[in-house]
């Protein structure tokens, strides 16, 4: 068997994780979850090591009782 060496360009991977392209790649998943659960918005944040796109829910009593955001994530 041949020995395979893989070299990862860490700075390029870091730039990719913080790029707008990565945010655009994961934003549709967050929007789909936000659209299937009530009172939700999509929040995008660029952190030190990566970009984060999350779903924020304005909680109501019904949402806390029925776990609507959790159900929206599991049905995607």
C-alpha atoms as a PDB file:
ATOM      1  CA  UNK A   1       0.000   0.000   0.000  1.00  0.00           C
ATOM      2  CA  UNK A   2       1.181   3.498  -0.703  1.00  0.00           C
ATOM      3  CA  UNK A   3       1.523   6.077   2.000  1.00  0.00           C
ATOM      4  CA  UNK A   4      -0.612   9.173   1.451  1.00  0.00           C
ATOM      5  CA  UNK A   5       0.289  12.497   3.031  1.00  0.00           C
ATOM      6  CA  UNK A   6      -2.458  15.096   3.269  1.00  0.00           C
ATOM      7  CA  UNK A   7      -1.478  18.697   3.956  1.00  0.00           C
ATOM      8  CA  UNK A   8      -4.233  21.058   5.074  1.00  0.00           C
ATOM      9  CA  UNK A   9      -3.871  24.779   4.540  1.00  0.00           C
ATOM     10  CA  UNK A  10      -5.140  25.949   7.931  1.00  0.00           C
ATOM     11  CA  UNK A  11      -5.282  29.633   7.044  1.00  0.00           C
ATOM     12  CA  UNK A  12      -7.377  28.936   3.929  1.00  0.00           C
ATOM     13  CA  UNK A  13      -9.760  26.724   5.908  1.00  0.00           C
ATOM     14  CA  UNK A  14     -10.083  29.465   8.530  1.00  0.00           C
ATOM     15  CA  UNK A  15     -10.867  32.047   5.852  1.00  0.00           C
ATOM     16  CA  UNK A  16     -13.460  29.708   4.341  1.00  0.00           C
ATOM     17  CA  UNK A  17     -15.185  29.162   7.696  1.00  0.00           C
ATOM     18  CA  UNK A  18     -15.478  32.945   8.189  1.00  0.00           C
ATOM     19  CA  UNK A  19     -16.469  33.782   4.611  1.00  0.00           C
ATOM     20  CA  UNK A  20     -19.759  35.055   3.256  1.00  0.00           C
ATOM     21  CA  UNK A  21     -19.892  31.991   0.989  1.00  0.00           C
ATOM     22  CA  UNK A  22     -20.098  29.725   4.040  1.00  0.00           C
ATOM     23  CA  UNK A  23     -22.839  31.895   5.538  1.00  0.00           C
ATOM     24  CA  UNK A  24     -24.737  31.734   2.241  1.00  0.00           C
ATOM     25  CA  UNK A  25     -24.332  27.938   2.190  1.00  0.00           C
ATOM     26  CA  UNK A  26     -25.863  27.379   5.631  1.00  0.00           C
ATOM     27  CA  UNK A  27     -28.424  30.214   5.622  1.00  0.00           C
ATOM     28  CA  UNK A  28     -31.087  28.212   3.638  1.00  0.00           C
ATOM     29  CA  UNK A  29     -31.122  25.512   6.341  1.00  0.00           C
ATOM     30  CA  UNK A  30     -31.685  28.106   9.066  1.00  0.00           C
ATOM     31  CA  UNK A  31     -34.365  29.861   6.999  1.00  0.00           C
ATOM     32  CA  UNK A  32     -36.203  26.565   6.438  1.00  0.00           C
ATOM     33  CA  UNK A  33     -36.262  25.916  10.180  1.00  0.00           C
ATOM     34  CA  UNK A  34     -37.321  29.502  10.930  1.00  0.00           C
ATOM     35  CA  UNK A  35     -40.156  29.299   8.398  1.00  0.00           C
ATOM     36  CA  UNK A  36     -41.520  26.059   9.842  1.00  0.00           C
ATOM     37  CA  UNK A  37     -41.649  27.301  13.452  1.00  0.00           C
ATOM     38  CA  UNK A  38     -43.634  30.364  14.567  1.00  0.00           C
ATOM     39  CA  UNK A  39     -42.066  33.574  15.912  1.00  0.00           C
ATOM     40  CA  UNK A  40     -38.569  32.815  14.531  1.00  0.00           C
ATOM     41  CA  UNK A  41     -35.877  34.937  12.922  1.00  0.00           C
ATOM     42  CA  UNK A  42     -32.496  34.082  11.393  1.00  0.00           C
ATOM     43  CA  UNK A  43     -29.424  35.541  13.102  1.00  0.00           C
ATOM     44  CA  UNK A  44     -25.988  35.639  11.414  1.00  0.00           C
ATOM     45  CA  UNK A  45     -22.844  36.279  13.452  1.00  0.00           C
ATOM     46  CA  UNK A  46     -19.177  36.206  12.414  1.00  0.00           C
ATOM     47  CA  UNK A  47     -17.183  34.781  15.302  1.00  0.00           C
ATOM     48  CA  UNK A  48     -13.422  34.602  15.761  1.00  0.00           C
ATOM     49  CA  UNK A  49     -13.073  31.193  14.091  1.00  0.00           C
ATOM     50  CA  UNK A  50     -16.231  30.728  12.012  1.00  0.00           C
ATOM     51  CA  UNK A  51     -19.494  32.210  10.855  1.00  0.00           C
ATOM     52  CA  UNK A  52     -22.636  31.231  12.739  1.00  0.00           C
ATOM     53  CA  UNK A  53     -26.158  31.297  11.351  1.00  0.00           C
ATOM     54  CA  UNK A  54     -28.784  30.471  13.926  1.00  0.00           C
ATOM     55  CA  UNK A  55     -32.502  30.547  14.499  1.00  0.00           C
ATOM     56  CA  UNK A  56     -33.792  32.747  17.309  1.00  0.00           C
ATOM     57  CA  UNK A  57     -37.309  32.219  18.593  1.00  0.00           C
ATOM     58  CA  UNK A  58     -39.382  34.722  20.520  1.00  0.00           C
ATOM     59  CA  UNK A  59     -40.736  32.317  23.098  1.00  0.00           C
ATOM     60  CA  UNK A  60     -44.391  32.175  23.918  1.00  0.00           C
ATOM     61  CA  UNK A  61     -46.076  29.918  26.425  1.00  0.00           C
ATOM     62  CA  UNK A  62     -47.323  27.657  23.631  1.00  0.00           C
ATOM     63  CA  UNK A  63     -43.807  27.329  22.197  1.00  0.00           C
ATOM     64  CA  UNK A  64     -42.426  26.336  25.601  1.00  0.00           C
ATOM     65  CA  UNK A  65     -45.193  23.786  26.136  1.00  0.00           C
ATOM     66  CA  UNK A  66     -45.076  22.196  22.664  1.00  0.00           C
ATOM     67  CA  UNK A  67     -41.349  22.572  21.794  1.00  0.00           C
ATOM     68  CA  UNK A  68     -42.105  23.974  18.335  1.00  0.00           C
ATOM     69  CA  UNK A  69     -38.514  24.956  17.488  1.00  0.00           C
ATOM     70  CA  UNK A  70     -37.211  21.529  18.481  1.00  0.00           C
ATOM     71  CA  UNK A  71     -39.882  19.878  16.327  1.00  0.00           C
ATOM     72  CA  UNK A  72     -39.006  22.159  13.402  1.00  0.00           C
ATOM     73  CA  UNK A  73     -35.348  21.088  13.587  1.00  0.00           C
ATOM     74  CA  UNK A  74     -36.142  17.372  13.727  1.00  0.00           C
ATOM     75  CA  UNK A  75     -38.514  17.425  10.757  1.00  0.00           C
ATOM     76  CA  UNK A  76     -35.984  18.991   8.340  1.00  0.00           C
END
